[in-house]
Amino acid sequence: MKKERQFNLVAGIFTPADAKEILISLIDEKIRFHNLKILSHQERFGVDDRSHVKRFNQLIKTKSQIQKMIATFEKKNKSLVINSKILIDSTD
């Protein structure tokens, strides 16, 4: 029997500056994680780890999209509602 757990990571109304700080910090940390995995794999095996390279590139694209979206909200002087949940489950 699976016991999925859910946690609220981010929940609330944020100014564009606060939203940018929170979201970009989260994405940057994930980018760093995948970059370290890529470098480690390159050193150990001499080749890129394709799954980490793919995710790294996706995160770079997502970061750019979020920055553009936040800039739009900033120009309109609008706050952002952000809800981010983490779902944790076993692979069984």
PDB file of N, CA and C in Angstrom:
ATOM      1  N   MET A   1       0.843  -1.182   0.000  1.00  0.00           N
ATOM      2  CA  MET A   1       0.000   0.000   0.000  1.00  0.00           C
ATOM      3  C   MET A   1       0.891   1.250   0.000  1.00  0.00           C
ATOM      4  N   LYS A   2       0.674   2.107  -0.960  1.00  0.00           N
ATOM      5  CA  LYS A   2       1.466   3.322  -1.059  1.00  0.00           C
ATOM      6  C   LYS A   2       0.942   4.377  -0.097  1.00  0.00           C
ATOM      7  N   LYS A   3       1.877   5.087   0.485  1.00  0.00           N
ATOM      8  CA  LYS A   3       1.509   6.185   1.381  1.00  0.00           C
ATOM      9  C   LYS A   3       2.143   7.460   0.849  1.00  0.00           C
ATOM     10  N   GLU A   4       1.471   8.075  -0.075  1.00  0.00           N
ATOM     11  CA  GLU A   4       1.965   9.329  -0.635  1.00  0.00           C
ATOM     12  C   GLU A   4       1.842  10.423   0.406  1.00  0.00           C
ATOM     13  N   ARG A   5       2.882  11.234   0.489  1.00  0.00           N
ATOM     14  CA  ARG A   5       2.860  12.371   1.410  1.00  0.00           C
ATOM     15  C   ARG A   5       2.955  13.640   0.592  1.00  0.00           C
ATOM     16  N   GLN A   6       2.266  14.643   1.054  1.00  0.00           N
ATOM     17  CA  GLN A   6       2.254  15.937   0.367  1.00  0.00           C
ATOM     18  C   GLN A   6       2.673  17.023   1.347  1.00  0.00           C
ATOM     19  N   PHE A   7       3.543  17.900   0.868  1.00  0.00           N
ATOM     20  CA  PHE A   7       4.023  19.015   1.674  1.00  0.00           C
ATOM     21  C   PHE A   7       3.885  20.301   0.880  1.00  0.00           C
ATOM     22  N   ASN A   8       3.481  21.363   1.544  1.00  0.00           N
ATOM     23  CA  ASN A   8       3.427  22.677   0.898  1.00  0.00           C
ATOM     24  C   ASN A   8       4.813  23.300   0.987  1.00  0.00           C
ATOM     25  N   LEU A   9       5.419  23.527  -0.157  1.00  0.00           N
ATOM     26  CA  LEU A   9       6.746  24.125  -0.188  1.00  0.00           C
ATOM     27  C   LEU A   9       6.639  25.643  -0.209  1.00  0.00           C
ATOM     28  N   VAL A  10       5.797  26.151  -1.087  1.00  0.00           N
ATOM     29  CA  VAL A  10       5.572  27.591  -1.190  1.00  0.00           C
ATOM     30  C   VAL A  10       4.066  27.796  -1.272  1.00  0.00           C
ATOM     31  N   ALA A  11       3.553  28.721  -0.496  1.00  0.00           N
ATOM     32  CA  ALA A  11       2.126  29.010  -0.537  1.00  0.00           C
ATOM     33  C   ALA A  11       1.900  30.443  -0.077  1.00  0.00           C
ATOM     34  N   GLY A  12       1.354  31.256  -0.970  1.00  0.00           N
ATOM     35  CA  GLY A  12       1.056  32.615  -0.556  1.00  0.00           C
ATOM     36  C   GLY A  12       1.013  33.606  -1.699  1.00  0.00           C
ATOM     37  N   ILE A  13       0.867  34.854  -1.308  1.00  0.00           N
ATOM     38  CA  ILE A  13       0.850  35.973  -2.245  1.00  0.00           C
ATOM     39  C   ILE A  13       2.167  36.716  -2.064  1.00  0.00           C
ATOM     40  N   PHE A  14       2.855  36.971  -3.176  1.00  0.00           N
ATOM     41  CA  PHE A  14       4.187  37.541  -3.116  1.00  0.00           C
ATOM     42  C   PHE A  14       4.323  38.727  -4.061  1.00  0.00           C
ATOM     43  N   THR A  15       5.146  39.691  -3.655  1.00  0.00           N
ATOM     44  CA  THR A  15       5.517  40.760  -4.574  1.00  0.00           C
ATOM     45  C   THR A  15       6.385  40.129  -5.660  1.00  0.00           C
ATOM     46  N   PRO A  16       6.500  40.780  -6.813  1.00  0.00           N
ATOM     47  CA  PRO A  16       7.373  40.229  -7.852  1.00  0.00           C
ATOM     48  C   PRO A  16       8.804  40.015  -7.360  1.00  0.00           C
ATOM     49  N   ALA A  17       9.326  40.933  -6.559  1.00  0.00           N
ATOM     50  CA  ALA A  17      10.701  40.795  -6.057  1.00  0.00           C
ATOM     51  C   ALA A  17      10.836  39.571  -5.156  1.00  0.00           C
ATOM     52  N   ASP A  18       9.886  39.379  -4.252  1.00  0.00           N
ATOM     53  CA  ASP A  18       9.937  38.219  -3.367  1.00  0.00           C
ATOM     54  C   ASP A  18       9.734  36.920  -4.140  1.00  0.00           C
ATOM     55  N   ALA A  19       8.809  36.935  -5.079  1.00  0.00           N
ATOM     56  CA  ALA A  19       8.559  35.752  -5.903  1.00  0.00           C
ATOM     57  C   ALA A  19       9.815  35.372  -6.679  1.00  0.00           C
ATOM     58  N   LYS A  20      10.473  36.368  -7.233  1.00  0.00           N
ATOM     59  CA  LYS A  20      11.696  36.123  -7.996  1.00  0.00           C
ATOM     60  C   LYS A  20      12.769  35.522  -7.093  1.00  0.00           C
ATOM     61  N   GLU A  21      12.936  36.084  -5.911  1.00  0.00           N
ATOM     62  CA  GLU A  21      13.956  35.581  -4.988  1.00  0.00           C
ATOM     63  C   GLU A  21      13.689  34.122  -4.601  1.00  0.00           C
ATOM     64  N   ILE A  22      12.446  33.829  -4.278  1.00  0.00           N
ATOM     65  CA  ILE A  22      12.083  32.472  -3.858  1.00  0.00           C
ATOM     66  C   ILE A  22      12.238  31.480  -5.002  1.00  0.00           C
ATOM     67  N   LEU A  23      11.606  31.775  -6.119  1.00  0.00           N
ATOM     68  CA  LEU A  23      11.588  30.822  -7.224  1.00  0.00           C
ATOM     69  C   LEU A  23      12.953  30.641  -7.872  1.00  0.00           C
ATOM     70  N   ILE A  24      13.671  31.721  -8.079  1.00  0.00           N
ATOM     71  CA  ILE A  24      14.980  31.614  -8.709  1.00  0.00           C
ATOM     72  C   ILE A  24      15.960  30.898  -7.778  1.00  0.00           C
ATOM     73  N   SER A  25      15.841  31.111  -6.485  1.00  0.00           N
ATOM     74  CA  SER A  25      16.691  30.387  -5.533  1.00  0.00           C
ATOM     75  C   SER A  25      16.446  28.885  -5.610  1.00  0.00           C
ATOM     76  N   LEU A  26      15.183  28.493  -5.670  1.00  0.00           N
ATOM     77  CA  LEU A  26      14.854  27.070  -5.775  1.00  0.00           C
ATOM     78  C   LEU A  26      15.400  26.473  -7.070  1.00  0.00           C
ATOM     79  N   ILE A  27      15.179  27.163  -8.170  1.00  0.00           N
ATOM     80  CA  ILE A  27      15.636  26.655  -9.464  1.00  0.00           C
ATOM     81  C   ILE A  27      17.156  26.626  -9.527  1.00  0.00           C
ATOM     82  N   ASP A  28      17.802  27.673  -9.030  1.00  0.00           N
ATOM     83  CA  ASP A  28      19.265  27.710  -9.033  1.00  0.00           C
ATOM     84  C   ASP A  28      19.854  26.546  -8.241  1.00  0.00           C
ATOM     85  N   GLU A  29      19.221  26.198  -7.144  1.00  0.00           N
ATOM     86  CA  GLU A  29      19.712  25.073  -6.346  1.00  0.00           C
ATOM     87  C   GLU A  29      19.585  23.766  -7.126  1.00  0.00           C
ATOM     88  N   LYS A  30      18.484  23.589  -7.828  1.00  0.00           N
ATOM     89  CA  LYS A  30      18.304  22.393  -8.659  1.00  0.00           C
ATOM     90  C   LYS A  30      19.300  22.389  -9.816  1.00  0.00           C
ATOM     91  N   ILE A  31      19.568  23.541 -10.407  1.00  0.00           N
ATOM     92  CA  ILE A  31      20.557  23.639 -11.484  1.00  0.00           C
ATOM     93  C   ILE A  31      21.936  23.234 -10.953  1.00  0.00           C
ATOM     94  N   ARG A  32      22.296  23.739  -9.784  1.00  0.00           N
ATOM     95  CA  ARG A  32      23.578  23.377  -9.161  1.00  0.00           C
ATOM     96  C   ARG A  32      23.669  21.864  -8.921  1.00  0.00           C
ATOM     97  N   PHE A  33      22.589  21.288  -8.416  1.00  0.00           N
ATOM     98  CA  PHE A  33      22.543  19.851  -8.157  1.00  0.00           C
ATOM     99  C   PHE A  33      22.846  19.059  -9.427  1.00  0.00           C
ATOM    100  N   HIS A  34      22.127  19.380 -10.499  1.00  0.00           N
ATOM    101  CA  HIS A  34      22.318  18.635 -11.750  1.00  0.00           C
ATOM    102  C   HIS A  34      23.686  18.909 -12.361  1.00  0.00           C
ATOM    103  N   ASN A  35      24.180  20.122 -12.229  1.00  0.00           N
ATOM    104  CA  ASN A  35      25.504  20.444 -12.747  1.00  0.00           C
ATOM    105  C   ASN A  35      26.578  19.623 -12.026  1.00  0.00           C
ATOM    106  N   LEU A  36      26.453  19.488 -10.707  1.00  0.00           N
ATOM    107  CA  LEU A  36      27.411  18.665  -9.957  1.00  0.00           C
ATOM    108  C   LEU A  36      27.336  17.198 -10.373  1.00  0.00           C
ATOM    109  N   LYS A  37      26.131  16.716 -10.603  1.00  0.00           N
ATOM    110  CA  LYS A  37      25.967  15.331 -11.063  1.00  0.00           C
ATOM    111  C   LYS A  37      26.599  15.134 -12.435  1.00  0.00           C
ATOM    112  N   ILE A  38      26.428  16.114 -13.322  1.00  0.00           N
ATOM    113  CA  ILE A  38      27.024  16.049 -14.659  1.00  0.00           C
ATOM    114  C   ILE A  38      28.543  16.009 -14.554  1.00  0.00           C
ATOM    115  N   LEU A  39      29.106  16.927 -13.762  1.00  0.00           N
ATOM    116  CA  LEU A  39      30.563  16.983 -13.605  1.00  0.00           C
ATOM    117  C   LEU A  39      31.111  15.696 -12.983  1.00  0.00           C
ATOM    118  N   SER A  40      30.431  15.189 -11.980  1.00  0.00           N
ATOM    119  CA  SER A  40      30.848  13.953 -11.330  1.00  0.00           C
ATOM    120  C   SER A  40      30.841  12.787 -12.318  1.00  0.00           C
ATOM    121  N   HIS A  41      29.792  12.699 -13.104  1.00  0.00           N
ATOM    122  CA  HIS A  41      29.672  11.613 -14.079  1.00  0.00           C
ATOM    123  C   HIS A  41      30.748  11.733 -15.154  1.00  0.00           C
ATOM    124  N   GLN A  42      31.019  12.967 -15.575  1.00  0.00           N
ATOM    125  CA  GLN A  42      32.075  13.184 -16.572  1.00  0.00           C
ATOM    126  C   GLN A  42      33.430  12.732 -16.034  1.00  0.00           C
ATOM    127  N   GLU A  43      33.721  13.069 -14.777  1.00  0.00           N
ATOM    128  CA  GLU A  43      34.999  12.699 -14.179  1.00  0.00           C
ATOM    129  C   GLU A  43      35.122  11.184 -14.017  1.00  0.00           C
ATOM    130  N   ARG A  44      34.033  10.533 -13.621  1.00  0.00           N
ATOM    131  CA  ARG A  44      34.075   9.092 -13.361  1.00  0.00           C
ATOM    132  C   ARG A  44      34.068   8.260 -14.636  1.00  0.00           C
ATOM    133  N   PHE A  45      33.256   8.699 -15.626  1.00  0.00           N
ATOM    134  CA  PHE A  45      33.056   7.862 -16.804  1.00  0.00           C
ATOM    135  C   PHE A  45      33.500   8.505 -18.117  1.00  0.00           C
ATOM    136  N   GLY A  46      33.847   9.784 -18.079  1.00  0.00           N
ATOM    137  CA  GLY A  46      34.314  10.460 -19.286  1.00  0.00           C
ATOM    138  C   GLY A  46      33.229  10.894 -20.248  1.00  0.00           C
ATOM    139  N   VAL A  47      31.980  10.753 -19.855  1.00  0.00           N
ATOM    140  CA  VAL A  47      30.846  11.157 -20.698  1.00  0.00           C
ATOM    141  C   VAL A  47      29.791  11.840 -19.838  1.00  0.00           C
ATOM    142  N   ASP A  48      28.909  12.578 -20.505  1.00  0.00           N
ATOM    143  CA  ASP A  48      27.804  13.229 -19.798  1.00  0.00           C
ATOM    144  C   ASP A  48      26.749  12.218 -19.370  1.00  0.00           C
ATOM    145  N   ASP A  49      26.091  12.509 -18.279  1.00  0.00           N
ATOM    146  CA  ASP A  49      24.921  11.747 -17.854  1.00  0.00           C
ATOM    147  C   ASP A  49      23.730  12.411 -18.531  1.00  0.00           C
ATOM    148  N   ARG A  50      23.192  11.761 -19.536  1.00  0.00           N
ATOM    149  CA  ARG A  50      22.152  12.384 -20.368  1.00  0.00           C
ATOM    150  C   ARG A  50      20.929  12.835 -19.579  1.00  0.00           C
ATOM    151  N   SER A  51      20.537  12.060 -18.579  1.00  0.00           N
ATOM    152  CA  SER A  51      19.334  12.434 -17.820  1.00  0.00           C
ATOM    153  C   SER A  51      19.556  13.736 -17.064  1.00  0.00           C
ATOM    154  N   HIS A  52      20.744  13.916 -16.489  1.00  0.00           N
ATOM    155  CA  HIS A  52      21.033  15.151 -15.762  1.00  0.00           C
ATOM    156  C   HIS A  52      21.223  16.328 -16.713  1.00  0.00           C
ATOM    157  N   VAL A  53      21.832  16.082 -17.871  1.00  0.00           N
ATOM    158  CA  VAL A  53      21.998  17.152 -18.865  1.00  0.00           C
ATOM    159  C   VAL A  53      20.628  17.613 -19.356  1.00  0.00           C
ATOM    160  N   LYS A  54      19.748  16.656 -19.611  1.00  0.00           N
ATOM    161  CA  LYS A  54      18.399  17.000 -20.074  1.00  0.00           C
ATOM    162  C   LYS A  54      17.666  17.838 -19.026  1.00  0.00           C
ATOM    163  N   ARG A  55      17.720  17.412 -17.779  1.00  0.00           N
ATOM    164  CA  ARG A  55      17.017  18.144 -16.715  1.00  0.00           C
ATOM    165  C   ARG A  55      17.653  19.508 -16.490  1.00  0.00           C
ATOM    166  N   PHE A  56      18.988  19.587 -16.547  1.00  0.00           N
ATOM    167  CA  PHE A  56      19.704  20.852 -16.421  1.00  0.00           C
ATOM    168  C   PHE A  56      19.198  21.841 -17.474  1.00  0.00           C
ATOM    169  N   ASN A  57      19.109  21.396 -18.717  1.00  0.00           N
ATOM    170  CA  ASN A  57      18.645  22.270 -19.806  1.00  0.00           C
ATOM    171  C   ASN A  57      17.189  22.687 -19.627  1.00  0.00           C
ATOM    172  N   GLN A  58      16.367  21.766 -19.151  1.00  0.00           N
ATOM    173  CA  GLN A  58      14.964  22.104 -18.884  1.00  0.00           C
ATOM    174  C   GLN A  58      14.872  23.182 -17.808  1.00  0.00           C
ATOM    175  N   LEU A  59      15.670  23.057 -16.777  1.00  0.00           N
ATOM    176  CA  LEU A  59      15.646  24.024 -15.681  1.00  0.00           C
ATOM    177  C   LEU A  59      16.132  25.398 -16.134  1.00  0.00           C
ATOM    178  N   ILE A  60      17.131  25.454 -16.993  1.00  0.00           N
ATOM    179  CA  ILE A  60      17.613  26.726 -17.531  1.00  0.00           C
ATOM    180  C   ILE A  60      16.481  27.408 -18.303  1.00  0.00           C
ATOM    181  N   LYS A  61      15.765  26.631 -19.102  1.00  0.00           N
ATOM    182  CA  LYS A  61      14.638  27.173 -19.867  1.00  0.00           C
ATOM    183  C   LYS A  61      13.526  27.645 -18.928  1.00  0.00           C
ATOM    184  N   THR A  62      13.199  26.850 -17.929  1.00  0.00           N
ATOM    185  CA  THR A  62      12.164  27.212 -16.959  1.00  0.00           C
ATOM    186  C   THR A  62      12.530  28.483 -16.222  1.00  0.00           C
ATOM    187  N   LYS A  63      13.789  28.602 -15.835  1.00  0.00           N
ATOM    188  CA  LYS A  63      14.252  29.803 -15.138  1.00  0.00           C
ATOM    189  C   LYS A  63      14.015  31.045 -15.989  1.00  0.00           C
ATOM    190  N   SER A  64      14.353  30.973 -17.253  1.00  0.00           N
ATOM    191  CA  SER A  64      14.150  32.101 -18.163  1.00  0.00           C
ATOM    192  C   SER A  64      12.664  32.451 -18.295  1.00  0.00           C
ATOM    193  N   GLN A  65      11.839  31.438 -18.426  1.00  0.00           N
ATOM    194  CA  GLN A  65      10.393  31.663 -18.550  1.00  0.00           C
ATOM    195  C   GLN A  65       9.834  32.321 -17.293  1.00  0.00           C
ATOM    196  N   ILE A  66      10.261  31.871 -16.139  1.00  0.00           N
ATOM    197  CA  ILE A  66       9.780  32.442 -14.882  1.00  0.00           C
ATOM    198  C   ILE A  66      10.248  33.885 -14.743  1.00  0.00           C
ATOM    199  N   GLN A  67      11.491  34.158 -15.103  1.00  0.00           N
ATOM    200  CA  GLN A  67      12.003  35.522 -15.027  1.00  0.00           C
ATOM    201  C   GLN A  67      11.196  36.460 -15.922  1.00  0.00           C
ATOM    202  N   LYS A  68      10.848  36.009 -17.124  1.00  0.00           N
ATOM    203  CA  LYS A  68      10.034  36.820 -18.035  1.00  0.00           C
ATOM    204  C   LYS A  68       8.640  37.053 -17.460  1.00  0.00           C
ATOM    205  N   MET A  69       8.047  36.006 -16.900  1.00  0.00           N
ATOM    206  CA  MET A  69       6.706  36.123 -16.331  1.00  0.00           C
ATOM    207  C   MET A  69       6.705  37.101 -15.160  1.00  0.00           C
ATOM    208  N   ILE A  70       7.683  36.986 -14.300  1.00  0.00           N
ATOM    209  CA  ILE A  70       7.757  37.882 -13.144  1.00  0.00           C
ATOM    210  C   ILE A  70       7.979  39.319 -13.594  1.00  0.00           C
ATOM    211  N   ALA A  71       8.782  39.524 -14.623  1.00  0.00           N
ATOM    212  CA  ALA A  71       9.008  40.875 -15.153  1.00  0.00           C
ATOM    213  C   ALA A  71       7.698  41.490 -15.637  1.00  0.00           C
ATOM    214  N   THR A  72       6.839  40.681 -16.232  1.00  0.00           N
ATOM    215  CA  THR A  72       5.528  41.154 -16.683  1.00  0.00           C
ATOM    216  C   THR A  72       4.676  41.594 -15.500  1.00  0.00           C
ATOM    217  N   PHE A  73       4.664  40.790 -14.453  1.00  0.00           N
ATOM    218  CA  PHE A  73       3.914  41.151 -13.252  1.00  0.00           C
ATOM    219  C   PHE A  73       4.489  42.413 -12.617  1.00  0.00           C
ATOM    220  N   GLU A  74       5.812  42.521 -12.653  1.00  0.00           N
ATOM    221  CA  GLU A  74       6.482  43.685 -12.071  1.00  0.00           C
ATOM    222  C   GLU A  74       6.092  44.967 -12.800  1.00  0.00           C
ATOM    223  N   LYS A  75       6.039  44.912 -14.131  1.00  0.00           N
ATOM    224  CA  LYS A  75       5.660  46.080 -14.936  1.00  0.00           C
ATOM    225  C   LYS A  75       4.227  46.517 -14.640  1.00  0.00           C
ATOM    226  N   LYS A  76       3.380  45.541 -14.354  1.00  0.00           N
ATOM    227  CA  LYS A  76       1.974  45.834 -14.062  1.00  0.00           C
ATOM    228  C   LYS A  76       1.741  46.107 -12.582  1.00  0.00           C
ATOM    229  N   ASN A  77       2.815  46.043 -11.779  1.00  0.00           N
ATOM    230  CA  ASN A  77       2.732  46.251 -10.339  1.00  0.00           C
ATOM    231  C   ASN A  77       1.711  45.296  -9.692  1.00  0.00           C
ATOM    232  N   LYS A  78       1.772  44.043 -10.093  1.00  0.00           N
ATOM    233  CA  LYS A  78       0.854  43.019  -9.596  1.00  0.00           C
ATOM    234  C   LYS A  78       1.585  42.025  -8.706  1.00  0.00           C
ATOM    235  N   SER A  79       0.888  41.535  -7.705  1.00  0.00           N
ATOM    236  CA  SER A  79       1.418  40.471  -6.866  1.00  0.00           C
ATOM    237  C   SER A  79       1.171  39.125  -7.542  1.00  0.00           C
ATOM    238  N   LEU A  80       1.882  38.117  -7.082  1.00  0.00           N
ATOM    239  CA  LEU A  80       1.752  36.776  -7.633  1.00  0.00           C
ATOM    240  C   LEU A  80       1.274  35.822  -6.555  1.00  0.00           C
ATOM    241  N   VAL A  81       0.376  34.940  -6.919  1.00  0.00           N
ATOM    242  CA  VAL A  81      -0.053  33.864  -6.033  1.00  0.00           C
ATOM    243  C   VAL A  81       0.731  32.631  -6.455  1.00  0.00           C
ATOM    244  N   ILE A  82       1.468  32.074  -5.510  1.00  0.00           N
ATOM    245  CA  ILE A  82       2.295  30.904  -5.810  1.00  0.00           C
ATOM    246  C   ILE A  82       1.945  29.787  -4.847  1.00  0.00           C
ATOM    247  N   ASN A  83       1.705  28.617  -5.411  1.00  0.00           N
ATOM    248  CA  ASN A  83       1.467  27.410  -4.632  1.00  0.00           C
ATOM    249  C   ASN A  83       2.324  26.305  -5.224  1.00  0.00           C
ATOM    250  N   SER A  84       3.177  25.745  -4.411  1.00  0.00           N
ATOM    251  CA  SER A  84       4.044  24.670  -4.861  1.00  0.00           C
ATOM    252  C   SER A  84       3.995  23.552  -3.835  1.00  0.00           C
ATOM    253  N   LYS A  85       3.612  22.393  -4.300  1.00  0.00           N
ATOM    254  CA  LYS A  85       3.508  21.243  -3.419  1.00  0.00           C
ATOM    255  C   LYS A  85       4.570  20.211  -3.791  1.00  0.00           C
ATOM    256  N   ILE A  86       5.032  19.496  -2.790  1.00  0.00           N
ATOM    257  CA  ILE A  86       5.964  18.391  -2.984  1.00  0.00           C
ATOM    258  C   ILE A  86       5.188  17.117  -2.670  1.00  0.00           C
ATOM    259  N   LEU A  87       5.176  16.187  -3.613  1.00  0.00           N
ATOM    260  CA  LEU A  87       4.545  14.883  -3.395  1.00  0.00           C
ATOM    261  C   LEU A  87       5.654  13.850  -3.290  1.00  0.00           C
ATOM    262  N   ILE A  88       5.629  13.074  -2.217  1.00  0.00           N
ATOM    263  CA  ILE A  88       6.655  12.059  -1.994  1.00  0.00           C
ATOM    264  C   ILE A  88       5.965  10.702  -1.885  1.00  0.00           C
ATOM    265  N   ASP A  89       6.471   9.769  -2.667  1.00  0.00           N
ATOM    266  CA  ASP A  89       5.915   8.430  -2.690  1.00  0.00           C
ATOM    267  C   ASP A  89       7.060   7.443  -2.905  1.00  0.00           C
ATOM    268  N   SER A  90       6.832   6.206  -2.619  1.00  0.00           N
ATOM    269  CA  SER A  90       7.846   5.185  -2.885  1.00  0.00           C
ATOM    270  C   SER A  90       7.735   4.727  -4.333  1.00  0.00           C
ATOM    271  N   THR A  91       8.781   4.062  -4.811  1.00  0.00           N
ATOM    272  CA  THR A  91       8.771   3.564  -6.195  1.00  0.00           C
ATOM    273  C   THR A  91       8.172   2.176  -6.288  1.00  0.00           C
ATOM    274  N   ASP A  92       7.775   1.612  -5.169  1.00  0.00           N
ATOM    275  CA  ASP A  92       7.199   0.251  -5.161  1.00  0.00           C
ATOM    276  C   ASP A  92       5.854   0.220  -5.840  1.00  0.00           C
TER     277      ASP A  92
END
